[in-house]
Amino acid sequence: MEKAKVSLQAINDVKDFVNIVMKYDFDIDLVSGRYAVDAKSIMGIFSLDLSKPIELNAHTDDAEAFFKDIAKYIVK
Protein backbone atom coordinates (compact mmCIF):
# COMPACT_ATOMS: atom_id res chain seq x y z
CA MET A 1 0.00 0.00 0.00
CA GLU A 2 1.28 3.45 -0.95
CA LYS A 3 0.29 6.59 0.98
CA ALA A 4 0.25 10.32 0.30
CA LYS A 5 -1.51 13.48 1.46
CA VAL A 6 -3.74 15.26 -1.05
CA SER A 7 -5.50 18.60 -1.08
CA LEU A 8 -8.79 19.05 -2.97
CA GLN A 9 -9.85 22.68 -2.56
CA ALA A 10 -12.41 23.30 -5.32
CA ILE A 11 -15.30 21.40 -6.88
CA ASN A 12 -13.38 21.16 -10.16
CA ASP A 13 -10.40 19.69 -8.28
CA VAL A 14 -12.62 16.89 -6.98
CA LYS A 15 -14.13 16.20 -10.42
CA ASP A 16 -10.71 16.10 -12.10
CA PHE A 17 -9.25 13.96 -9.29
CA VAL A 18 -12.07 11.39 -9.56
CA ASN A 19 -11.66 11.22 -13.36
CA ILE A 20 -7.96 10.42 -12.90
CA VAL A 21 -8.59 7.87 -10.13
CA MET A 22 -11.22 6.04 -12.21
CA LYS A 23 -8.51 5.04 -14.73
CA TYR A 24 -6.86 2.72 -12.20
CA ASP A 25 -8.19 -0.72 -11.32
CA PHE A 26 -6.77 -0.94 -7.78
CA ASP A 27 -8.61 0.34 -4.69
CA ILE A 28 -7.89 3.88 -3.57
CA ASP A 29 -9.22 5.25 -0.28
CA LEU A 30 -9.30 8.74 1.19
CA VAL A 31 -9.10 8.97 4.98
CA SER A 32 -10.05 12.03 7.01
CA GLY A 33 -10.10 11.50 10.76
CA ARG A 34 -12.08 8.35 11.42
CA TYR A 35 -13.84 8.41 8.04
CA ALA A 36 -12.60 6.48 5.01
CA VAL A 37 -14.26 6.72 1.58
CA ASP A 38 -13.65 5.29 -1.87
CA ALA A 39 -11.63 7.85 -3.87
CA LYS A 40 -13.70 6.94 -6.95
CA SER A 41 -16.86 8.31 -5.30
CA ILE A 42 -17.56 12.02 -5.78
CA MET A 43 -20.29 11.91 -3.13
CA GLY A 44 -17.96 10.15 -0.72
CA ILE A 45 -15.25 12.78 -1.19
CA PHE A 46 -17.70 15.62 -0.60
CA SER A 47 -18.68 14.01 2.72
CA LEU A 48 -15.12 14.60 3.99
CA ASP A 49 -13.64 17.77 5.49
CA LEU A 50 -11.87 19.24 2.44
CA SER A 51 -10.51 22.27 4.31
CA LYS A 52 -7.32 20.37 5.19
CA PRO A 53 -5.16 17.73 3.44
CA ILE A 54 -6.60 14.20 3.26
CA GLU A 55 -4.66 10.95 3.52
CA LEU A 56 -4.73 8.84 0.35
CA ASN A 57 -4.15 5.07 0.49
CA ALA A 58 -3.49 3.34 -2.84
CA HIS A 59 -3.81 -0.43 -2.42
CA THR A 60 -1.06 -1.42 -4.84
CA ASP A 61 2.70 -1.85 -4.80
CA ASP A 62 3.20 -0.12 -8.15
CA ALA A 63 1.64 3.33 -7.86
CA GLU A 64 4.37 5.37 -9.57
CA ALA A 65 2.27 6.24 -12.66
CA PHE A 66 -0.75 6.98 -10.48
CA PHE A 67 1.19 9.40 -8.26
CA LYS A 68 2.54 11.16 -11.38
CA ASP A 69 -1.05 11.64 -12.61
CA ILE A 70 -2.20 13.17 -9.31
CA ALA A 71 1.02 15.12 -8.59
CA LYS A 72 -0.74 18.50 -8.61
CA TYR A 73 -2.96 17.39 -5.69
CA ILE A 74 -0.20 15.88 -3.52
CA VAL A 75 0.85 17.94 -0.51
CA LYS A 76 4.51 17.60 0.48
PDB file of N, CA and C in Angstrom:
ATOM      1  N   MET A   1       0.852  -1.178   0.000  1.00  0.00           N
ATOM      2  CA  MET A   1       0.000   0.000   0.000  1.00  0.00           C
ATOM      3  C   MET A   1       0.896   1.238   0.000  1.00  0.00           C
ATOM      4  N   GLU A   2       0.565   2.180  -0.849  1.00  0.00           N
ATOM      5  CA  GLU A   2       1.282   3.453  -0.947  1.00  0.00           C
ATOM      6  C   GLU A   2       0.405   4.549  -0.347  1.00  0.00           C
ATOM      7  N   LYS A   3       1.039   5.513   0.338  1.00  0.00           N
ATOM      8  CA  LYS A   3       0.291   6.590   0.980  1.00  0.00           C
ATOM      9  C   LYS A   3       0.800   7.953   0.541  1.00  0.00           C
ATOM     10  N   ALA A   4      -0.095   8.929   0.586  1.00  0.00           N
ATOM     11  CA  ALA A   4       0.249  10.320   0.297  1.00  0.00           C
ATOM     12  C   ALA A   4      -0.816  11.211   0.924  1.00  0.00           C
ATOM     13  N   LYS A   5      -0.524  12.491   1.023  1.00  0.00           N
ATOM     14  CA  LYS A   5      -1.511  13.481   1.464  1.00  0.00           C
ATOM     15  C   LYS A   5      -1.926  14.281   0.240  1.00  0.00           C
ATOM     16  N   VAL A   6      -3.232  14.486   0.081  1.00  0.00           N
ATOM     17  CA  VAL A   6      -3.737  15.258  -1.054  1.00  0.00           C
ATOM     18  C   VAL A   6      -4.608  16.406  -0.564  1.00  0.00           C
ATOM     19  N   SER A   7      -4.668  17.443  -1.383  1.00  0.00           N
ATOM     20  CA  SER A   7      -5.505  18.596  -1.079  1.00  0.00           C
ATOM     21  C   SER A   7      -6.456  18.826  -2.252  1.00  0.00           C
ATOM     22  N   LEU A   8      -7.745  18.836  -1.960  1.00  0.00           N
ATOM     23  CA  LEU A   8      -8.786  19.055  -2.965  1.00  0.00           C
ATOM     24  C   LEU A   8      -9.603  20.264  -2.516  1.00  0.00           C
ATOM     25  N   GLN A   9      -9.265  21.431  -3.046  1.00  0.00           N
ATOM     26  CA  GLN A   9      -9.855  22.675  -2.557  1.00  0.00           C
ATOM     27  C   GLN A   9     -11.151  23.084  -3.251  1.00  0.00           C
ATOM     28  N   ALA A  10     -11.257  22.813  -4.558  1.00  0.00           N
ATOM     29  CA  ALA A  10     -12.411  23.298  -5.322  1.00  0.00           C
ATOM     30  C   ALA A  10     -13.216  22.131  -5.889  1.00  0.00           C
ATOM     31  N   ILE A  11     -14.432  22.414  -6.292  1.00  0.00           N
ATOM     32  CA  ILE A  11     -15.305  21.398  -6.885  1.00  0.00           C
ATOM     33  C   ILE A  11     -14.648  20.801  -8.133  1.00  0.00           C
ATOM     34  N   ASN A  12     -14.046  21.656  -8.948  1.00  0.00           N
ATOM     35  CA  ASN A  12     -13.384  21.159 -10.161  1.00  0.00           C
ATOM     36  C   ASN A  12     -12.186  20.277  -9.836  1.00  0.00           C
ATOM     37  N   ASP A  13     -11.497  20.554  -8.717  1.00  0.00           N
ATOM     38  CA  ASP A  13     -10.400  19.685  -8.283  1.00  0.00           C
ATOM     39  C   ASP A  13     -10.919  18.281  -8.004  1.00  0.00           C
ATOM     40  N   VAL A  14     -12.042  18.191  -7.322  1.00  0.00           N
ATOM     41  CA  VAL A  14     -12.621  16.888  -6.982  1.00  0.00           C
ATOM     42  C   VAL A  14     -13.038  16.149  -8.248  1.00  0.00           C
ATOM     43  N   LYS A  15     -13.701  16.842  -9.167  1.00  0.00           N
ATOM     44  CA  LYS A  15     -14.132  16.198 -10.417  1.00  0.00           C
ATOM     45  C   LYS A  15     -12.939  15.686 -11.215  1.00  0.00           C
ATOM     46  N   ASP A  16     -11.902  16.497 -11.364  1.00  0.00           N
ATOM     47  CA  ASP A  16     -10.710  16.099 -12.098  1.00  0.00           C
ATOM     48  C   ASP A  16      -9.999  14.935 -11.399  1.00  0.00           C
ATOM     49  N   PHE A  17      -9.895  15.009 -10.077  1.00  0.00           N
ATOM     50  CA  PHE A  17      -9.250  13.956  -9.292  1.00  0.00           C
ATOM     51  C   PHE A  17      -9.968  12.618  -9.475  1.00  0.00           C
ATOM     52  N   VAL A  18     -11.288  12.621  -9.393  1.00  0.00           N
ATOM     53  CA  VAL A  18     -12.070  11.390  -9.561  1.00  0.00           C
ATOM     54  C   VAL A  18     -11.900  10.831 -10.977  1.00  0.00           C
ATOM     55  N   ASN A  19     -11.873  11.689 -11.981  1.00  0.00           N
ATOM     56  CA  ASN A  19     -11.660  11.218 -13.359  1.00  0.00           C
ATOM     57  C   ASN A  19     -10.306  10.539 -13.512  1.00  0.00           C
ATOM     58  N   ILE A  20      -9.286  11.050 -12.853  1.00  0.00           N
ATOM     59  CA  ILE A  20      -7.963  10.418 -12.895  1.00  0.00           C
ATOM     60  C   ILE A  20      -7.990   9.079 -12.160  1.00  0.00           C
ATOM     61  N   VAL A  21      -8.562   9.071 -10.968  1.00  0.00           N
ATOM     62  CA  VAL A  21      -8.589   7.868 -10.131  1.00  0.00           C
ATOM     63  C   VAL A  21      -9.357   6.731 -10.807  1.00  0.00           C
ATOM     64  N   MET A  22     -10.402   7.063 -11.555  1.00  0.00           N
ATOM     65  CA  MET A  22     -11.224   6.038 -12.211  1.00  0.00           C
ATOM     66  C   MET A  22     -10.438   5.217 -13.242  1.00  0.00           C
ATOM     67  N   LYS A  23      -9.318   5.739 -13.731  1.00  0.00           N
ATOM     68  CA  LYS A  23      -8.511   5.036 -14.726  1.00  0.00           C
ATOM     69  C   LYS A  23      -7.773   3.829 -14.150  1.00  0.00           C
ATOM     70  N   TYR A  24      -7.659   3.769 -12.839  1.00  0.00           N
ATOM     71  CA  TYR A  24      -6.860   2.725 -12.199  1.00  0.00           C
ATOM     72  C   TYR A  24      -7.762   1.650 -11.600  1.00  0.00           C
ATOM     73  N   ASP A  25      -7.326   0.385 -11.744  1.00  0.00           N
ATOM     74  CA  ASP A  25      -8.188  -0.722 -11.315  1.00  0.00           C
ATOM     75  C   ASP A  25      -7.949  -1.162  -9.875  1.00  0.00           C
ATOM     76  N   PHE A  26      -6.978  -0.581  -9.185  1.00  0.00           N
ATOM     77  CA  PHE A  26      -6.773  -0.942  -7.778  1.00  0.00           C
ATOM     78  C   PHE A  26      -7.598  -0.018  -6.880  1.00  0.00           C
ATOM     79  N   ASP A  27      -7.806  -0.445  -5.634  1.00  0.00           N
ATOM     80  CA  ASP A  27      -8.605   0.337  -4.689  1.00  0.00           C
ATOM     81  C   ASP A  27      -7.809   1.533  -4.178  1.00  0.00           C
ATOM     82  N   ILE A  28      -8.494   2.655  -4.069  1.00  0.00           N
ATOM     83  CA  ILE A  28      -7.887   3.878  -3.566  1.00  0.00           C
ATOM     84  C   ILE A  28      -8.869   4.472  -2.553  1.00  0.00           C
ATOM     85  N   ASP A  29      -8.386   4.704  -1.341  1.00  0.00           N
ATOM     86  CA  ASP A  29      -9.219   5.253  -0.282  1.00  0.00           C
ATOM     87  C   ASP A  29      -8.723   6.624   0.128  1.00  0.00           C
ATOM     88  N   LEU A  30      -9.644   7.458   0.577  1.00  0.00           N
ATOM     89  CA  LEU A  30      -9.305   8.737   1.190  1.00  0.00           C
ATOM     90  C   LEU A  30      -9.732   8.674   2.641  1.00  0.00           C
ATOM     91  N   VAL A  31      -8.841   9.063   3.549  1.00  0.00           N
ATOM     92  CA  VAL A  31      -9.102   8.968   4.984  1.00  0.00           C
ATOM     93  C   VAL A  31      -8.983  10.358   5.605  1.00  0.00           C
ATOM     94  N   SER A  32     -10.035  10.758   6.298  1.00  0.00           N
ATOM     95  CA  SER A  32     -10.051  12.030   7.012  1.00  0.00           C
ATOM     96  C   SER A  32     -10.579  11.757   8.409  1.00  0.00           C
ATOM     97  N   GLY A  33      -9.696  11.831   9.396  1.00  0.00           N
ATOM     98  CA  GLY A  33     -10.096  11.501  10.760  1.00  0.00           C
ATOM     99  C   GLY A  33     -10.456  10.033  10.850  1.00  0.00           C
ATOM    100  N   ARG A  34     -11.658   9.751  11.311  1.00  0.00           N
ATOM    101  CA  ARG A  34     -12.082   8.351  11.422  1.00  0.00           C
ATOM    102  C   ARG A  34     -12.907   7.881  10.225  1.00  0.00           C
ATOM    103  N   TYR A  35     -13.055   8.748   9.228  1.00  0.00           N
ATOM    104  CA  TYR A  35     -13.842   8.412   8.041  1.00  0.00           C
ATOM    105  C   TYR A  35     -12.941   8.005   6.875  1.00  0.00           C
ATOM    106  N   ALA A  36     -13.306   6.933   6.206  1.00  0.00           N
ATOM    107  CA  ALA A  36     -12.601   6.479   5.007  1.00  0.00           C
ATOM    108  C   ALA A  36     -13.634   6.297   3.900  1.00  0.00           C
ATOM    109  N   VAL A  37     -13.337   6.839   2.713  1.00  0.00           N
ATOM    110  CA  VAL A  37     -14.256   6.715   1.580  1.00  0.00           C
ATOM    111  C   VAL A  37     -13.483   6.262   0.348  1.00  0.00           C
ATOM    112  N   ASP A  38     -14.208   5.699  -0.586  1.00  0.00           N
ATOM    113  CA  ASP A  38     -13.647   5.292  -1.871  1.00  0.00           C
ATOM    114  C   ASP A  38     -13.303   6.557  -2.665  1.00  0.00           C
ATOM    115  N   ALA A  39     -12.055   6.664  -3.137  1.00  0.00           N
ATOM    116  CA  ALA A  39     -11.626   7.854  -3.869  1.00  0.00           C
ATOM    117  C   ALA A  39     -12.294   7.958  -5.235  1.00  0.00           C
ATOM    118  N   LYS A  40     -12.997   6.919  -5.671  1.00  0.00           N
ATOM    119  CA  LYS A  40     -13.697   6.942  -6.953  1.00  0.00           C
ATOM    120  C   LYS A  40     -15.130   7.455  -6.810  1.00  0.00           C
ATOM    121  N   SER A  41     -15.506   7.851  -5.589  1.00  0.00           N
ATOM    122  CA  SER A  41     -16.861   8.309  -5.301  1.00  0.00           C
ATOM    123  C   SER A  41     -16.881   9.817  -5.042  1.00  0.00           C
ATOM    124  N   ILE A  42     -17.460  10.567  -5.964  1.00  0.00           N
ATOM    125  CA  ILE A  42     -17.555  12.024  -5.775  1.00  0.00           C
ATOM    126  C   ILE A  42     -18.356  12.342  -4.516  1.00  0.00           C
ATOM    127  N   MET A  43     -19.458  11.662  -4.316  1.00  0.00           N
ATOM    128  CA  MET A  43     -20.286  11.914  -3.126  1.00  0.00           C
ATOM    129  C   MET A  43     -19.521  11.594  -1.852  1.00  0.00           C
ATOM    130  N   GLY A  44     -18.762  10.516  -1.883  1.00  0.00           N
ATOM    131  CA  GLY A  44     -17.957  10.154  -0.717  1.00  0.00           C
ATOM    132  C   GLY A  44     -16.938  11.227  -0.388  1.00  0.00           C
ATOM    133  N   ILE A  45     -16.262  11.739  -1.404  1.00  0.00           N
ATOM    134  CA  ILE A  45     -15.248  12.779  -1.189  1.00  0.00           C
ATOM    135  C   ILE A  45     -15.882  14.036  -0.607  1.00  0.00           C
ATOM    136  N   PHE A  46     -17.044  14.416  -1.116  1.00  0.00           N
ATOM    137  CA  PHE A  46     -17.699  15.620  -0.599  1.00  0.00           C
ATOM    138  C   PHE A  46     -18.216  15.443   0.829  1.00  0.00           C
ATOM    139  N   SER A  47     -18.262  14.221   1.331  1.00  0.00           N
ATOM    140  CA  SER A  47     -18.678  14.009   2.717  1.00  0.00           C
ATOM    141  C   SER A  47     -17.516  14.229   3.688  1.00  0.00           C
ATOM    142  N   LEU A  48     -16.297  14.387   3.150  1.00  0.00           N
ATOM    143  CA  LEU A  48     -15.125  14.603   3.990  1.00  0.00           C
ATOM    144  C   LEU A  48     -14.884  16.094   4.218  1.00  0.00           C
ATOM    145  N   ASP A  49     -14.059  16.391   5.217  1.00  0.00           N
ATOM    146  CA  ASP A  49     -13.641  17.772   5.487  1.00  0.00           C
ATOM    147  C   ASP A  49     -12.517  18.126   4.508  1.00  0.00           C
ATOM    148  N   LEU A  50     -12.835  18.898   3.478  1.00  0.00           N
ATOM    149  CA  LEU A  50     -11.868  19.236   2.436  1.00  0.00           C
ATOM    150  C   LEU A  50     -11.057  20.493   2.751  1.00  0.00           C
ATOM    151  N   SER A  51     -11.236  21.048   3.946  1.00  0.00           N
ATOM    152  CA  SER A  51     -10.510  22.269   4.305  1.00  0.00           C
ATOM    153  C   SER A  51      -9.057  21.991   4.674  1.00  0.00           C
ATOM    154  N   LYS A  52      -8.706  20.720   4.871  1.00  0.00           N
ATOM    155  CA  LYS A  52      -7.317  20.368   5.188  1.00  0.00           C
ATOM    156  C   LYS A  52      -6.916  19.153   4.356  1.00  0.00           C
ATOM    157  N   PRO A  53      -5.614  18.880   4.251  1.00  0.00           N
ATOM    158  CA  PRO A  53      -5.163  17.728   3.444  1.00  0.00           C
ATOM    159  C   PRO A  53      -5.757  16.405   3.939  1.00  0.00           C
ATOM    160  N   ILE A  54      -5.981  15.503   2.987  1.00  0.00           N
ATOM    161  CA  ILE A  54      -6.597  14.204   3.260  1.00  0.00           C
ATOM    162  C   ILE A  54      -5.583  13.123   2.948  1.00  0.00           C
ATOM    163  N   GLU A  55      -5.565  12.069   3.760  1.00  0.00           N
ATOM    164  CA  GLU A  55      -4.655  10.951   3.524  1.00  0.00           C
ATOM    165  C   GLU A  55      -5.205  10.059   2.421  1.00  0.00           C
ATOM    166  N   LEU A  56      -4.360   9.721   1.452  1.00  0.00           N
ATOM    167  CA  LEU A  56      -4.729   8.842   0.353  1.00  0.00           C
ATOM    168  C   LEU A  56      -3.996   7.519   0.526  1.00  0.00           C
ATOM    169  N   ASN A  57      -4.728   6.413   0.429  1.00  0.00           N
ATOM    170  CA  ASN A  57      -4.146   5.070   0.495  1.00  0.00           C
ATOM    171  C   ASN A  57      -4.431   4.364  -0.823  1.00  0.00           C
ATOM    172  N   ALA A  58      -3.359   4.075  -1.577  1.00  0.00           N
ATOM    173  CA  ALA A  58      -3.485   3.335  -2.839  1.00  0.00           C
ATOM    174  C   ALA A  58      -3.091   1.895  -2.566  1.00  0.00           C
ATOM    175  N   HIS A  59      -4.023   0.974  -2.748  1.00  0.00           N
ATOM    176  CA  HIS A  59      -3.810  -0.432  -2.418  1.00  0.00           C
ATOM    177  C   HIS A  59      -3.136  -1.165  -3.580  1.00  0.00           C
ATOM    178  N   THR A  60      -1.879  -0.803  -3.801  1.00  0.00           N
ATOM    179  CA  THR A  60      -1.062  -1.418  -4.838  1.00  0.00           C
ATOM    180  C   THR A  60       0.400  -1.216  -4.466  1.00  0.00           C
ATOM    181  N   ASP A  61       1.267  -2.015  -5.031  1.00  0.00           N
ATOM    182  CA  ASP A  61       2.702  -1.848  -4.797  1.00  0.00           C
ATOM    183  C   ASP A  61       3.366  -1.070  -5.919  1.00  0.00           C
ATOM    184  N   ASP A  62       2.639  -0.816  -6.997  1.00  0.00           N
ATOM    185  CA  ASP A  62       3.197  -0.117  -8.148  1.00  0.00           C
ATOM    186  C   ASP A  62       2.333   1.094  -8.486  1.00  0.00           C
ATOM    187  N   ALA A  63       2.493   2.151  -7.701  1.00  0.00           N
ATOM    188  CA  ALA A  63       1.641   3.333  -7.861  1.00  0.00           C
ATOM    189  C   ALA A  63       2.390   4.514  -8.469  1.00  0.00           C
ATOM    190  N   GLU A  64       3.551   4.272  -9.046  1.00  0.00           N
ATOM    191  CA  GLU A  64       4.368   5.370  -9.571  1.00  0.00           C
ATOM    192  C   GLU A  64       3.621   6.188 -10.632  1.00  0.00           C
ATOM    193  N   ALA A  65       3.012   5.532 -11.607  1.00  0.00           N
ATOM    194  CA  ALA A  65       2.274   6.240 -12.664  1.00  0.00           C
ATOM    195  C   ALA A  65       1.067   6.977 -12.072  1.00  0.00           C
ATOM    196  N   PHE A  66       0.400   6.349 -11.120  1.00  0.00           N
ATOM    197  CA  PHE A  66      -0.753   6.978 -10.478  1.00  0.00           C
ATOM    198  C   PHE A  66      -0.342   8.266  -9.766  1.00  0.00           C
ATOM    199  N   PHE A  67       0.749   8.212  -8.997  1.00  0.00           N
ATOM    200  CA  PHE A  67       1.192   9.399  -8.265  1.00  0.00           C
ATOM    201  C   PHE A  67       1.671  10.500  -9.212  1.00  0.00           C
ATOM    202  N   LYS A  68       2.182  10.147 -10.385  1.00  0.00           N
ATOM    203  CA  LYS A  68       2.538  11.162 -11.377  1.00  0.00           C
ATOM    204  C   LYS A  68       1.282  11.849 -11.905  1.00  0.00           C
ATOM    205  N   ASP A  69       0.208  11.071 -12.110  1.00  0.00           N
ATOM    206  CA  ASP A  69      -1.055  11.638 -12.612  1.00  0.00           C
ATOM    207  C   ASP A  69      -1.702  12.600 -11.613  1.00  0.00           C
ATOM    208  N   ILE A  70      -1.554  12.331 -10.314  1.00  0.00           N
ATOM    209  CA  ILE A  70      -2.201  13.167  -9.308  1.00  0.00           C
ATOM    210  C   ILE A  70      -1.213  14.115  -8.620  1.00  0.00           C
ATOM    211  N   ALA A  71      -0.037  14.315  -9.216  1.00  0.00           N
ATOM    212  CA  ALA A  71       1.025  15.119  -8.590  1.00  0.00           C
ATOM    213  C   ALA A  71       0.561  16.513  -8.163  1.00  0.00           C
ATOM    214  N   LYS A  72      -0.315  17.136  -8.946  1.00  0.00           N
ATOM    215  CA  LYS A  72      -0.738  18.500  -8.610  1.00  0.00           C
ATOM    216  C   LYS A  72      -1.613  18.563  -7.346  1.00  0.00           C
ATOM    217  N   TYR A  73      -2.127  17.419  -6.904  1.00  0.00           N
ATOM    218  CA  TYR A  73      -2.957  17.391  -5.692  1.00  0.00           C
ATOM    219  C   TYR A  73      -2.189  16.927  -4.448  1.00  0.00           C
ATOM    220  N   ILE A  74      -0.981  16.400  -4.649  1.00  0.00           N
ATOM    221  CA  ILE A  74      -0.204  15.878  -3.521  1.00  0.00           C
ATOM    222  C   ILE A  74       0.417  17.035  -2.748  1.00  0.00           C
ATOM    223  N   VAL A  75       0.286  16.951  -1.428  1.00  0.00           N
ATOM    224  CA  VAL A  75       0.854  17.940  -0.513  1.00  0.00           C
ATOM    225  C   VAL A  75       2.134  17.349   0.053  1.00  0.00           C
ATOM    226  N   LYS A  76       3.214  18.089  -0.038  1.00  0.00           N
ATOM    227  CA  LYS A  76       4.509  17.596   0.480  1.00  0.00           C
ATOM    228  C   LYS A  76       4.587  17.763   1.974  1.00  0.00           C
TER     229      LYS A  76
END
